[in-house]
Amino acid sequence: MIVLLRMAALGCVAVLGGCGSYWTKTDATELDFGVARGDCVQLAYADVPPVMARGFVFDVPYDTNEPARAAFVTRCLEARNWRLVERGL
């Protein structure tokens, strides 16, 4: 649930701010990216499994390993020659 809220908040910020980022690779399609990302996510969960904890303020469970998995996915995609492009205003 927290992950969904974080994603929604980041999405709102990106839309309202007119900025964001996207992954690109020469001669690759969105389907290619989906497959590569899916593979990287699967590897990330195998390497950095979820560890659930409770929040201090709202006592809401969250996964303490989520940031490490996100970093793993980024490194995995970069190793497969995908490049993250930041959009400006």
Protein backbone atom coordinates (compact mmCIF):
# COMPACT_ATOMS: atom_id res chain seq x y z
CA MET A 1 0.00 0.00 0.00
CA ILE A 2 2.80 2.41 0.92
CA VAL A 3 4.56 1.63 -2.35
CA LEU A 4 1.38 2.47 -4.26
CA LEU A 5 1.02 5.73 -2.36
CA ARG A 6 4.65 6.62 -3.05
CA MET A 7 4.21 5.82 -6.74
CA ALA A 8 1.02 7.88 -6.91
CA ALA A 9 2.70 10.81 -5.17
CA LEU A 10 5.70 10.66 -7.49
CA GLY A 11 3.38 10.43 -10.48
CA CYS A 12 1.48 13.51 -9.38
CA VAL A 13 4.69 15.44 -8.84
CA ALA A 14 6.00 14.42 -12.26
CA VAL A 15 2.76 15.38 -14.04
CA LEU A 16 2.28 18.65 -12.19
CA GLY A 17 5.94 19.59 -12.45
CA GLY A 18 6.12 18.82 -16.16
CA CYS A 19 9.19 16.71 -15.63
CA GLY A 20 10.03 13.08 -15.20
CA SER A 21 12.24 10.44 -16.67
CA TYR A 22 12.10 7.50 -19.02
CA TRP A 23 14.27 4.58 -20.04
CA THR A 24 15.62 4.35 -23.57
CA LYS A 25 17.75 2.01 -25.65
CA THR A 26 18.64 2.26 -29.33
CA ASP A 27 16.32 0.18 -31.53
CA ALA A 28 14.32 -1.09 -28.53
CA THR A 29 10.54 -1.07 -28.10
CA GLU A 30 8.33 -0.60 -25.06
CA LEU A 31 7.82 -4.36 -25.09
CA ASP A 32 11.61 -4.86 -24.97
CA PHE A 33 11.75 -2.56 -21.95
CA GLY A 34 8.90 -4.40 -20.24
CA VAL A 35 10.67 -7.72 -20.67
CA ALA A 36 14.03 -6.34 -19.48
CA ARG A 37 12.46 -4.61 -16.49
CA GLY A 38 10.47 -7.71 -15.57
CA ASP A 39 13.64 -9.80 -15.65
CA CYS A 40 15.48 -7.24 -13.52
CA VAL A 41 12.65 -7.04 -10.98
CA GLN A 42 12.58 -10.83 -10.69
CA LEU A 43 16.36 -10.90 -10.10
CA ALA A 44 16.06 -8.06 -7.58
CA TYR A 45 13.45 -9.91 -5.51
CA ALA A 46 15.65 -13.02 -5.52
CA ASP A 47 18.72 -11.03 -4.45
CA VAL A 48 17.03 -8.56 -2.06
CA PRO A 49 13.86 -10.16 -0.64
CA PRO A 50 11.23 -8.10 1.17
CA VAL A 51 11.79 -7.37 4.86
CA MET A 52 8.67 -5.97 6.44
CA ALA A 53 8.74 -3.50 9.34
CA ARG A 54 6.26 -1.19 11.02
CA GLY A 55 6.32 2.59 10.65
CA PHE A 56 7.02 4.72 13.71
CA VAL A 57 4.33 7.34 13.26
CA PHE A 58 1.40 5.55 11.61
CA ASP A 59 2.33 1.94 12.43
CA VAL A 60 1.88 1.01 8.77
CA PRO A 61 3.92 -1.95 7.50
CA TYR A 62 6.51 -1.22 4.83
CA ASP A 63 9.31 -3.07 3.05
CA THR A 64 12.69 -1.87 4.29
CA ASN A 65 14.44 -3.43 1.26
CA GLU A 66 12.40 -1.56 -1.38
CA PRO A 67 15.07 1.14 -1.95
CA ALA A 68 17.79 -1.49 -2.35
CA ARG A 69 15.64 -3.41 -4.86
CA ALA A 70 14.95 -0.22 -6.83
CA ALA A 71 18.70 0.45 -7.01
CA PHE A 72 19.28 -3.16 -8.10
CA VAL A 73 16.75 -2.79 -10.93
CA THR A 74 18.40 0.44 -12.07
CA ARG A 75 21.85 -1.19 -12.15
CA CYS A 76 20.43 -4.24 -13.92
CA LEU A 77 18.80 -2.15 -16.66
CA GLU A 78 21.95 -0.09 -17.10
CA ALA A 79 23.97 -3.31 -17.43
CA ARG A 80 21.60 -4.26 -20.28
CA ASN A 81 22.41 -0.95 -22.03
CA TRP A 82 19.22 0.87 -21.05
CA ARG A 83 19.72 4.54 -20.23
CA LEU A 84 17.59 6.67 -17.91
CA VAL A 85 16.81 10.06 -19.49
CA GLU A 86 15.67 12.95 -17.29
CA ARG A 87 13.13 15.30 -18.83
CA GLY A 88 13.41 19.02 -18.20
CA LEU A 89 10.62 21.57 -18.02
